[in-house]
Amino acid sequence: MSLGQRNAESELQPQVSQPTGLPLPNDVDWRSIDHALMYKILALPSRIENDNRFISITAERAFPPDYTEFVEERRYRYACMGLHVVSVTQQLRSTYGISE
């Protein structure tokens, strides 16, 4: 399994850029949404930023050529983020009857 592409120095580098922000609509009355669910949605941009910051710190301390610590941390954090977003999406759909 490939963890990334190698650059000219044979060092691993990410194949996909990190997620940046999450544009949330301005025309939503957030008070109309269940408060716990609203918090989870509104906290997503901050969570993305925090995860990216932690991954960047890990990258600074990882060793070439494979940067194992960075690759593992990035994979773990983005997998957790994906699972969290799926959970929030499912809650939103089931609470408000939104189809997939």
PDB file of N, CA and C in Angstrom:
ATOM      1  N   MET A   1       0.843  -1.163   0.000  1.00  0.00           N
ATOM      2  CA  MET A   1       0.000   0.000   0.000  1.00  0.00           C
ATOM      3  C   MET A   1       0.897   1.238   0.000  1.00  0.00           C
ATOM      4  N   SER A   2       0.611   2.167  -0.873  1.00  0.00           N
ATOM      5  CA  SER A   2       1.387   3.385  -0.973  1.00  0.00           C
ATOM      6  C   SER A   2       0.897   4.409   0.043  1.00  0.00           C
ATOM      7  N   LEU A   3       1.835   4.979   0.788  1.00  0.00           N
ATOM      8  CA  LEU A   3       1.493   6.006   1.772  1.00  0.00           C
ATOM      9  C   LEU A   3       1.594   7.401   1.189  1.00  0.00           C
ATOM     10  N   GLY A   4       2.151   7.514   0.014  1.00  0.00           N
ATOM     11  CA  GLY A   4       2.314   8.808  -0.615  1.00  0.00           C
ATOM     12  C   GLY A   4       3.286   8.705  -1.774  1.00  0.00           C
ATOM     13  N   GLN A   5       3.473   9.782  -2.457  1.00  0.00           N
ATOM     14  CA  GLN A   5       4.426   9.814  -3.555  1.00  0.00           C
ATOM     15  C   GLN A   5       5.780  10.249  -3.009  1.00  0.00           C
ATOM     16  N   ARG A   6       6.823   9.864  -3.698  1.00  0.00           N
ATOM     17  CA  ARG A   6       8.169  10.255  -3.289  1.00  0.00           C
ATOM     18  C   ARG A   6       8.643  11.413  -4.148  1.00  0.00           C
ATOM     19  N   ASN A   7       9.341  12.345  -3.514  1.00  0.00           N
ATOM     20  CA  ASN A   7       9.883  13.484  -4.243  1.00  0.00           C
ATOM     21  C   ASN A   7      11.261  13.130  -4.803  1.00  0.00           C
ATOM     22  N   ALA A   8      11.984  14.111  -5.325  1.00  0.00           N
ATOM     23  CA  ALA A   8      13.285  13.871  -5.952  1.00  0.00           C
ATOM     24  C   ALA A   8      14.309  13.309  -4.966  1.00  0.00           C
ATOM     25  N   GLU A   9      14.135  13.592  -3.676  1.00  0.00           N
ATOM     26  CA  GLU A   9      15.051  13.074  -2.646  1.00  0.00           C
ATOM     27  C   GLU A   9      14.577  11.741  -2.075  1.00  0.00           C
ATOM     28  N   SER A  10      13.586  11.121  -2.701  1.00  0.00           N
ATOM     29  CA  SER A  10      12.986   9.850  -2.268  1.00  0.00           C
ATOM     30  C   SER A  10      12.302   9.949  -0.911  1.00  0.00           C
ATOM     31  N   GLU A  11      11.850  11.139  -0.550  1.00  0.00           N
ATOM     32  CA  GLU A  11      11.106  11.323   0.688  1.00  0.00           C
ATOM     33  C   GLU A  11       9.615  11.262   0.387  1.00  0.00           C
ATOM     34  N   LEU A  12       8.875  10.638   1.298  1.00  0.00           N
ATOM     35  CA  LEU A  12       7.424  10.578   1.130  1.00  0.00           C
ATOM     36  C   LEU A  12       6.834  11.971   1.265  1.00  0.00           C
ATOM     37  N   GLN A  13       5.836  12.243   0.461  1.00  0.00           N
ATOM     38  CA  GLN A  13       5.095  13.500   0.562  1.00  0.00           C
ATOM     39  C   GLN A  13       3.619  13.187   0.354  1.00  0.00           C
ATOM     40  N   PRO A  14       2.728  13.972   0.964  1.00  0.00           N
ATOM     41  CA  PRO A  14       1.282  13.714   0.845  1.00  0.00           C
ATOM     42  C   PRO A  14       0.816  13.786  -0.605  1.00  0.00           C
ATOM     43  N   GLN A  15      -0.162  12.941  -0.928  1.00  0.00           N
ATOM     44  CA  GLN A  15      -0.767  12.950  -2.262  1.00  0.00           C
ATOM     45  C   GLN A  15      -1.935  13.915  -2.335  1.00  0.00           C
ATOM     46  N   VAL A  16      -2.531  14.202  -1.201  1.00  0.00           N
ATOM     47  CA  VAL A  16      -3.725  15.043  -1.133  1.00  0.00           C
ATOM     48  C   VAL A  16      -3.456  16.183  -0.168  1.00  0.00           C
ATOM     49  N   SER A  17      -3.866  17.383  -0.533  1.00  0.00           N
ATOM     50  CA  SER A  17      -3.656  18.526   0.350  1.00  0.00           C
ATOM     51  C   SER A  17      -4.573  18.427   1.568  1.00  0.00           C
ATOM     52  N   GLN A  18      -4.171  19.085   2.634  1.00  0.00           N
ATOM     53  CA  GLN A  18      -4.961  19.046   3.868  1.00  0.00           C
ATOM     54  C   GLN A  18      -6.239  19.853   3.699  1.00  0.00           C
ATOM     55  N   PRO A  19      -7.307  19.449   4.393  1.00  0.00           N
ATOM     56  CA  PRO A  19      -8.543  20.231   4.329  1.00  0.00           C
ATOM     57  C   PRO A  19      -8.333  21.588   4.992  1.00  0.00           C
ATOM     58  N   THR A  20      -8.929  22.600   4.414  1.00  0.00           N
ATOM     59  CA  THR A  20      -8.819  23.937   4.996  1.00  0.00           C
ATOM     60  C   THR A  20     -10.217  24.504   5.181  1.00  0.00           C
ATOM     61  N   GLY A  21     -10.542  24.753   6.418  1.00  0.00           N
ATOM     62  CA  GLY A  21     -11.818  25.374   6.722  1.00  0.00           C
ATOM     63  C   GLY A  21     -13.026  24.567   6.281  1.00  0.00           C
ATOM     64  N   LEU A  22     -14.156  25.104   6.562  1.00  0.00           N
ATOM     65  CA  LEU A  22     -15.420  24.501   6.155  1.00  0.00           C
ATOM     66  C   LEU A  22     -16.412  25.639   6.017  1.00  0.00           C
ATOM     67  N   PRO A  23     -16.770  25.972   4.784  1.00  0.00           N
ATOM     68  CA  PRO A  23     -17.710  27.089   4.618  1.00  0.00           C
ATOM     69  C   PRO A  23     -19.107  26.702   5.115  1.00  0.00           C
ATOM     70  N   LEU A  24     -19.564  27.397   6.117  1.00  0.00           N
ATOM     71  CA  LEU A  24     -20.909  27.162   6.642  1.00  0.00           C
ATOM     72  C   LEU A  24     -21.829  28.249   6.099  1.00  0.00           C
ATOM     73  N   PRO A  25     -23.054  27.894   5.770  1.00  0.00           N
ATOM     74  CA  PRO A  25     -23.978  28.884   5.205  1.00  0.00           C
ATOM     75  C   PRO A  25     -24.319  29.991   6.197  1.00  0.00           C
ATOM     76  N   ASN A  26     -24.469  31.188   5.669  1.00  0.00           N
ATOM     77  CA  ASN A  26     -24.822  32.343   6.501  1.00  0.00           C
ATOM     78  C   ASN A  26     -26.327  32.502   6.674  1.00  0.00           C
ATOM     79  N   ASP A  27     -27.101  31.840   5.827  1.00  0.00           N
ATOM     80  CA  ASP A  27     -28.545  32.040   5.834  1.00  0.00           C
ATOM     81  C   ASP A  27     -29.296  31.004   6.672  1.00  0.00           C
ATOM     82  N   VAL A  28     -28.616  30.373   7.619  1.00  0.00           N
ATOM     83  CA  VAL A  28     -29.259  29.378   8.478  1.00  0.00           C
ATOM     84  C   VAL A  28     -29.529  30.015   9.836  1.00  0.00           C
ATOM     85  N   ASP A  29     -30.727  29.816  10.336  1.00  0.00           N
ATOM     86  CA  ASP A  29     -31.033  30.237  11.703  1.00  0.00           C
ATOM     87  C   ASP A  29     -30.571  29.097  12.613  1.00  0.00           C
ATOM     88  N   TRP A  30     -29.337  29.196  13.089  1.00  0.00           N
ATOM     89  CA  TRP A  30     -28.734  28.108  13.846  1.00  0.00           C
ATOM     90  C   TRP A  30     -29.505  27.807  15.126  1.00  0.00           C
ATOM     91  N   ARG A  31     -30.272  28.762  15.633  1.00  0.00           N
ATOM     92  CA  ARG A  31     -31.065  28.514  16.845  1.00  0.00           C
ATOM     93  C   ARG A  31     -32.212  27.545  16.583  1.00  0.00           C
ATOM     94  N   SER A  32     -32.557  27.341  15.317  1.00  0.00           N
ATOM     95  CA  SER A  32     -33.652  26.428  14.986  1.00  0.00           C
ATOM     96  C   SER A  32     -33.210  24.970  14.978  1.00  0.00           C
ATOM     97  N   ILE A  33     -31.926  24.744  15.095  1.00  0.00           N
ATOM     98  CA  ILE A  33     -31.379  23.384  15.084  1.00  0.00           C
ATOM     99  C   ILE A  33     -31.142  22.940  16.522  1.00  0.00           C
ATOM    100  N   ASP A  34     -31.339  21.666  16.776  1.00  0.00           N
ATOM    101  CA  ASP A  34     -31.049  21.091  18.090  1.00  0.00           C
ATOM    102  C   ASP A  34     -29.683  21.604  18.561  1.00  0.00           C
ATOM    103  N   HIS A  35     -29.626  22.078  19.808  1.00  0.00           N
ATOM    104  CA  HIS A  35     -28.431  22.757  20.296  1.00  0.00           C
ATOM    105  C   HIS A  35     -27.180  21.874  20.277  1.00  0.00           C
ATOM    106  N   ALA A  36     -27.310  20.626  20.663  1.00  0.00           N
ATOM    107  CA  ALA A  36     -26.147  19.731  20.666  1.00  0.00           C
ATOM    108  C   ALA A  36     -25.640  19.502  19.241  1.00  0.00           C
ATOM    109  N   LEU A  37     -26.561  19.326  18.325  1.00  0.00           N
ATOM    110  CA  LEU A  37     -26.196  19.124  16.923  1.00  0.00           C
ATOM    111  C   LEU A  37     -25.624  20.409  16.329  1.00  0.00           C
ATOM    112  N   MET A  38     -26.208  21.550  16.669  1.00  0.00           N
ATOM    113  CA  MET A  38     -25.702  22.834  16.200  1.00  0.00           C
ATOM    114  C   MET A  38     -24.256  23.030  16.646  1.00  0.00           C
ATOM    115  N   TYR A  39     -23.970  22.716  17.887  1.00  0.00           N
ATOM    116  CA  TYR A  39     -22.602  22.857  18.402  1.00  0.00           C
ATOM    117  C   TYR A  39     -21.638  21.984  17.613  1.00  0.00           C
ATOM    118  N   LYS A  40     -22.034  20.733  17.348  1.00  0.00           N
ATOM    119  CA  LYS A  40     -21.165  19.828  16.593  1.00  0.00           C
ATOM    120  C   LYS A  40     -20.867  20.374  15.197  1.00  0.00           C
ATOM    121  N   ILE A  41     -21.869  20.947  14.563  1.00  0.00           N
ATOM    122  CA  ILE A  41     -21.686  21.494  13.210  1.00  0.00           C
ATOM    123  C   ILE A  41     -20.796  22.736  13.251  1.00  0.00           C
ATOM    124  N   LEU A  42     -21.097  23.658  14.160  1.00  0.00           N
ATOM    125  CA  LEU A  42     -20.342  24.901  14.229  1.00  0.00           C
ATOM    126  C   LEU A  42     -18.907  24.696  14.722  1.00  0.00           C
ATOM    127  N   ALA A  43     -18.649  23.599  15.408  1.00  0.00           N
ATOM    128  CA  ALA A  43     -17.306  23.303  15.906  1.00  0.00           C
ATOM    129  C   ALA A  43     -16.412  22.649  14.842  1.00  0.00           C
ATOM    130  N   LEU A  44     -16.986  22.211  13.734  1.00  0.00           N
ATOM    131  CA  LEU A  44     -16.201  21.520  12.708  1.00  0.00           C
ATOM    132  C   LEU A  44     -15.026  22.346  12.168  1.00  0.00           C
ATOM    133  N   PRO A  45     -15.208  23.615  11.807  1.00  0.00           N
ATOM    134  CA  PRO A  45     -14.051  24.377  11.308  1.00  0.00           C
ATOM    135  C   PRO A  45     -12.914  24.464  12.325  1.00  0.00           C
ATOM    136  N   SER A  46     -13.256  24.643  13.589  1.00  0.00           N
ATOM    137  CA  SER A  46     -12.241  24.716  14.635  1.00  0.00           C
ATOM    138  C   SER A  46     -11.532  23.373  14.790  1.00  0.00           C
ATOM    139  N   ARG A  47     -12.284  22.297  14.701  1.00  0.00           N
ATOM    140  CA  ARG A  47     -11.682  20.971  14.821  1.00  0.00           C
ATOM    141  C   ARG A  47     -10.722  20.702  13.663  1.00  0.00           C
ATOM    142  N   ILE A  48     -11.108  21.098  12.457  1.00  0.00           N
ATOM    143  CA  ILE A  48     -10.231  20.933  11.300  1.00  0.00           C
ATOM    144  C   ILE A  48      -8.937  21.716  11.516  1.00  0.00           C
ATOM    145  N   GLU A  49      -9.070  22.949  11.965  1.00  0.00           N
ATOM    146  CA  GLU A  49      -7.900  23.796  12.212  1.00  0.00           C
ATOM    147  C   GLU A  49      -6.989  23.196  13.276  1.00  0.00           C
ATOM    148  N   ASN A  50      -7.568  22.716  14.359  1.00  0.00           N
ATOM    149  CA  ASN A  50      -6.773  22.112  15.432  1.00  0.00           C
ATOM    150  C   ASN A  50      -6.064  20.851  14.965  1.00  0.00           C
ATOM    151  N   ASP A  51      -6.771  19.995  14.237  1.00  0.00           N
ATOM    152  CA  ASP A  51      -6.143  18.775  13.721  1.00  0.00           C
ATOM    153  C   ASP A  51      -5.004  19.110  12.768  1.00  0.00           C
ATOM    154  N   ASN A  52      -5.219  20.079  11.881  1.00  0.00           N
ATOM    155  CA  ASN A  52      -4.162  20.474  10.948  1.00  0.00           C
ATOM    156  C   ASN A  52      -2.948  21.033  11.691  1.00  0.00           C
ATOM    157  N   ARG A  53      -3.195  21.799  12.742  1.00  0.00           N
ATOM    158  CA  ARG A  53      -2.099  22.350  13.534  1.00  0.00           C
ATOM    159  C   ARG A  53      -1.305  21.229  14.196  1.00  0.00           C
ATOM    160  N   PHE A  54      -1.987  20.264  14.768  1.00  0.00           N
ATOM    161  CA  PHE A  54      -1.309  19.155  15.441  1.00  0.00           C
ATOM    162  C   PHE A  54      -0.526  18.323  14.428  1.00  0.00           C
ATOM    163  N   ILE A  55      -1.094  18.105  13.256  1.00  0.00           N
ATOM    164  CA  ILE A  55      -0.396  17.349  12.205  1.00  0.00           C
ATOM    165  C   ILE A  55       0.853  18.099  11.764  1.00  0.00           C
ATOM    166  N   SER A  56       0.766  19.410  11.637  1.00  0.00           N
ATOM    167  CA  SER A  56       1.927  20.219  11.250  1.00  0.00           C
ATOM    168  C   SER A  56       3.045  20.120  12.284  1.00  0.00           C
ATOM    169  N   ILE A  57       2.684  20.152  13.548  1.00  0.00           N
ATOM    170  CA  ILE A  57       3.679  20.010  14.614  1.00  0.00           C
ATOM    171  C   ILE A  57       4.343  18.641  14.529  1.00  0.00           C
ATOM    172  N   THR A  58       3.542  17.616  14.290  1.00  0.00           N
ATOM    173  CA  THR A  58       4.083  16.267  14.154  1.00  0.00           C
ATOM    174  C   THR A  58       5.008  16.181  12.947  1.00  0.00           C
ATOM    175  N   ALA A  59       4.656  16.847  11.863  1.00  0.00           N
ATOM    176  CA  ALA A  59       5.484  16.830  10.654  1.00  0.00           C
ATOM    177  C   ALA A  59       6.851  17.449  10.911  1.00  0.00           C
ATOM    178  N   GLU A  60       6.879  18.494  11.721  1.00  0.00           N
ATOM    179  CA  GLU A  60       8.150  19.156  12.028  1.00  0.00           C
ATOM    180  C   GLU A  60       9.095  18.256  12.811  1.00  0.00           C
ATOM    181  N   ARG A  61       8.532  17.283  13.503  1.00  0.00           N
ATOM    182  CA  ARG A  61       9.344  16.402  14.351  1.00  0.00           C
ATOM    183  C   ARG A  61       9.547  15.022  13.749  1.00  0.00           C
ATOM    184  N   ALA A  62       9.046  14.802  12.547  1.00  0.00           N
ATOM    185  CA  ALA A  62       9.171  13.499  11.889  1.00  0.00           C
ATOM    186  C   ALA A  62      10.493  13.428  11.127  1.00  0.00           C
ATOM    187  N   PHE A  63      10.959  12.210  10.894  1.00  0.00           N
ATOM    188  CA  PHE A  63      12.254  11.995  10.262  1.00  0.00           C
ATOM    189  C   PHE A  63      12.116  11.443   8.850  1.00  0.00           C
ATOM    190  N   PRO A  64      12.911  12.000   7.921  1.00  0.00           N
ATOM    191  CA  PRO A  64      12.921  11.494   6.549  1.00  0.00           C
ATOM    192  C   PRO A  64      13.580  10.122   6.506  1.00  0.00           C
ATOM    193  N   PRO A  65      13.400   9.328   5.490  1.00  0.00           N
ATOM    194  CA  PRO A  65      12.672   9.689   4.274  1.00  0.00           C
ATOM    195  C   PRO A  65      11.182   9.359   4.334  1.00  0.00           C
ATOM    196  N   ASP A  66      10.761   8.569   5.331  1.00  0.00           N
ATOM    197  CA  ASP A  66       9.363   8.114   5.340  1.00  0.00           C
ATOM    198  C   ASP A  66       8.444   8.950   6.222  1.00  0.00           C
ATOM    199  N   TYR A  67       8.990   9.755   7.107  1.00  0.00           N
ATOM    200  CA  TYR A  67       8.181  10.614   7.980  1.00  0.00           C
ATOM    201  C   TYR A  67       7.042   9.831   8.637  1.00  0.00           C
ATOM    202  N   THR A  68       7.387   8.685   9.180  1.00  0.00           N
ATOM    203  CA  THR A  68       6.400   7.739   9.711  1.00  0.00           C
ATOM    204  C   THR A  68       5.443   8.379  10.711  1.00  0.00           C
ATOM    205  N   GLU A  69       5.975   9.155  11.640  1.00  0.00           N
ATOM    206  CA  GLU A  69       5.129   9.774  12.666  1.00  0.00           C
ATOM    207  C   GLU A  69       4.090  10.693  12.025  1.00  0.00           C
ATOM    208  N   PHE A  70       4.531  11.478  11.056  1.00  0.00           N
ATOM    209  CA  PHE A  70       3.639  12.398  10.356  1.00  0.00           C
ATOM    210  C   PHE A  70       2.567  11.639   9.589  1.00  0.00           C
ATOM    211  N   VAL A  71       2.966  10.622   8.847  1.00  0.00           N
ATOM    212  CA  VAL A  71       2.020   9.854   8.031  1.00  0.00           C
ATOM    213  C   VAL A  71       0.968   9.199   8.916  1.00  0.00           C
ATOM    214  N   GLU A  72       1.416   8.593  10.006  1.00  0.00           N
ATOM    215  CA  GLU A  72       0.472   7.918  10.901  1.00  0.00           C
ATOM    216  C   GLU A  72      -0.473   8.905  11.576  1.00  0.00           C
ATOM    217  N   GLU A  73       0.045  10.037  12.039  1.00  0.00           N
ATOM    218  CA  GLU A  73      -0.796  11.040  12.709  1.00  0.00           C
ATOM    219  C   GLU A  73      -1.808  11.631  11.738  1.00  0.00           C
ATOM    220  N   ARG A  74      -1.358  11.925  10.545  1.00  0.00           N
ATOM    221  CA  ARG A  74      -2.245  12.505   9.527  1.00  0.00           C
ATOM    222  C   ARG A  74      -3.364  11.521   9.177  1.00  0.00           C
ATOM    223  N   ARG A  75      -2.982  10.288   8.962  1.00  0.00           N
ATOM    224  CA  ARG A  75      -3.973   9.260   8.629  1.00  0.00           C
ATOM    225  C   ARG A  75      -4.987   9.103   9.760  1.00  0.00           C
ATOM    226  N   TYR A  76      -4.497   9.031  10.995  1.00  0.00           N
ATOM    227  CA  TYR A  76      -5.367   8.843  12.150  1.00  0.00           C
ATOM    228  C   TYR A  76      -6.323  10.029  12.337  1.00  0.00           C
ATOM    229  N   ARG A  77      -5.792  11.240  12.332  1.00  0.00           N
ATOM    230  CA  ARG A  77      -6.626  12.426  12.571  1.00  0.00           C
ATOM    231  C   ARG A  77      -7.677  12.616  11.486  1.00  0.00           C
ATOM    232  N   TYR A  78      -7.291  12.406  10.221  1.00  0.00           N
ATOM    233  CA  TYR A  78      -8.264  12.593   9.144  1.00  0.00           C
ATOM    234  C   TYR A  78      -9.292  11.465   9.116  1.00  0.00           C
ATOM    235  N   ALA A  79      -8.911  10.272   9.512  1.00  0.00           N
ATOM    236  CA  ALA A  79      -9.885   9.182   9.619  1.00  0.00           C
ATOM    237  C   ALA A  79     -10.896   9.492  10.725  1.00  0.00           C
ATOM    238  N   CYS A  80     -10.400   9.971  11.873  1.00  0.00           N
ATOM    239  CA  CYS A  80     -11.302  10.342  12.973  1.00  0.00           C
ATOM    240  C   CYS A  80     -12.225  11.477  12.554  1.00  0.00           C
ATOM    241  N   MET A  81     -11.678  12.451  11.844  1.00  0.00           N
ATOM    242  CA  MET A  81     -12.493  13.565  11.366  1.00  0.00           C
ATOM    243  C   MET A  81     -13.584  13.062  10.424  1.00  0.00           C
ATOM    244  N   GLY A  82     -13.217  12.188   9.509  1.00  0.00           N
ATOM    245  CA  GLY A  82     -14.203  11.642   8.574  1.00  0.00           C
ATOM    246  C   GLY A  82     -15.320  10.911   9.295  1.00  0.00           C
ATOM    247  N   LEU A  83     -14.970  10.094  10.282  1.00  0.00           N
ATOM    248  CA  LEU A  83     -15.984   9.371  11.049  1.00  0.00           C
ATOM    249  C   LEU A  83     -16.880  10.330  11.829  1.00  0.00           C
ATOM    250  N   HIS A  84     -16.291  11.385  12.363  1.00  0.00           N
ATOM    251  CA  HIS A  84     -17.072  12.385  13.099  1.00  0.00           C
ATOM    252  C   HIS A  84     -18.061  13.089  12.163  1.00  0.00           C
ATOM    253  N   VAL A  85     -17.606  13.474  10.983  1.00  0.00           N
ATOM    254  CA  VAL A  85     -18.482  14.158  10.019  1.00  0.00           C
ATOM    255  C   VAL A  85     -19.609  13.234   9.570  1.00  0.00           C
ATOM    256  N   VAL A  86     -19.297  11.965   9.363  1.00  0.00           N
ATOM    257  CA  VAL A  86     -20.347  11.008   8.999  1.00  0.00           C
ATOM    258  C   VAL A  86     -21.385  10.920  10.112  1.00  0.00           C
ATOM    259  N   SER A  87     -20.931  10.873  11.356  1.00  0.00           N
ATOM    260  CA  SER A  87     -21.844  10.799  12.491  1.00  0.00           C
ATOM    261  C   SER A  87     -22.743  12.038  12.566  1.00  0.00           C
ATOM    262  N   VAL A  88     -22.151  13.223  12.417  1.00  0.00           N
ATOM    263  CA  VAL A  88     -22.924  14.464  12.451  1.00  0.00           C
ATOM    264  C   VAL A  88     -23.920  14.489  11.301  1.00  0.00           C
ATOM    265  N   THR A  89     -23.491  14.067  10.133  1.00  0.00           N
ATOM    266  CA  THR A  89     -24.370  14.038   8.962  1.00  0.00           C
ATOM    267  C   THR A  89     -25.549  13.099   9.188  1.00  0.00           C
ATOM    268  N   GLN A  90     -25.277  11.928   9.748  1.00  0.00           N
ATOM    269  CA  GLN A  90     -26.353  10.981  10.028  1.00  0.00           C
ATOM    270  C   GLN A  90     -27.332  11.538  11.053  1.00  0.00           C
ATOM    271  N   GLN A  91     -26.812  12.204  12.088  1.00  0.00           N
ATOM    272  CA  GLN A  91     -27.689  12.814  13.092  1.00  0.00           C
ATOM    273  C   GLN A  91     -28.553  13.899  12.469  1.00  0.00           C
ATOM    274  N   LEU A  92     -27.963  14.715  11.634  1.00  0.00           N
ATOM    275  CA  LEU A  92     -28.691  15.787  10.954  1.00  0.00           C
ATOM    276  C   LEU A  92     -29.795  15.210  10.078  1.00  0.00           C
ATOM    277  N   ARG A  93     -29.473  14.181   9.324  1.00  0.00           N
ATOM    278  CA  ARG A  93     -30.473  13.565   8.427  1.00  0.00           C
ATOM    279  C   ARG A  93     -31.602  12.908   9.213  1.00  0.00           C
ATOM    280  N   SER A  94     -31.247  12.160  10.244  1.00  0.00           N
ATOM    281  CA  SER A  94     -32.296  11.455  10.990  1.00  0.00           C
ATOM    282  C   SER A  94     -33.162  12.421  11.802  1.00  0.00           C
ATOM    283  N   THR A  95     -32.559  13.476  12.347  1.00  0.00           N
ATOM    284  CA  THR A  95     -33.317  14.443  13.145  1.00  0.00           C
ATOM    285  C   THR A  95     -34.297  15.250  12.303  1.00  0.00           C
ATOM    286  N   TYR A  96     -33.890  15.604  11.091  1.00  0.00           N
ATOM    287  CA  TYR A  96     -34.703  16.499  10.267  1.00  0.00           C
ATOM    288  C   TYR A  96     -35.246  15.850   8.999  1.00  0.00           C
ATOM    289  N   GLY A  97     -35.144  14.541   8.891  1.00  0.00           N
ATOM    290  CA  GLY A  97     -35.736  13.815   7.763  1.00  0.00           C
ATOM    291  C   GLY A  97     -35.128  14.187   6.411  1.00  0.00           C
ATOM    292  N   ILE A  98     -33.839  14.397   6.380  1.00  0.00           N
ATOM    293  CA  ILE A  98     -33.148  14.747   5.142  1.00  0.00           C
ATOM    294  C   ILE A  98     -32.685  13.458   4.469  1.00  0.00           C
ATOM    295  N   SER A  99     -32.993  13.324   3.180  1.00  0.00           N
ATOM    296  CA  SER A  99     -32.574  12.107   2.481  1.00  0.00           C
ATOM    297  C   SER A  99     -31.084  12.172   2.138  1.00  0.00           C
ATOM    298  N   GLU A 100     -30.511  11.003   1.890  1.00  0.00           N
ATOM    299  CA  GLU A 100     -29.075  10.945   1.560  1.00  0.00           C
ATOM    300  C   GLU A 100     -28.801  11.481   0.183  1.00  0.00           C
TER     301      GLU A 100
END
